[in-house]
Amino acid sequence: AQSPRSPRGASPQASRVARAGIADGPVARYHAANQADPIDVRLEEFYNSTSSAIHFQRINKGLYRFGSTEVEVEIINQKLMARTENGWNRGKFGPIDKFMAAHEPSERSRLGIPGES
């Protein structure tokens, strides 16, 4: 089986998510709640380059809900990074694409959404 190809011009993070089976555009696009918040704007750009079926919901600056998982999002060294308190990545910031690749399958299962083939 061939791995899915990332869209032309996609970020390296989006390419990694595509390789994890999340490509072709999200089920519903994310729109930054605050255009003055660089984290929210970068999350909008990144998320809309994936085909995630799980939505991000902004709670506060840098704090989001991805399905049922609360996640802290920061820009560190010009990269969008995520951290949760549930033990993922030992509680340290990790790339947002790796966070989504780790949490998307369990969130899909919890919501009864079939995985991508």
Foldseek 3Di string as FASTA:
>chain_A
DDQDQFDPPADPLLRLLSSLVWADFAPDQDDQPDPVQPLSVVCNSNRRRTHAPWDWADPDRQWIQGQNFIWGWDQDPNAIWIAGPPCVVHRDTDHPSVVCSVCRVVSCVVVVHDGDD
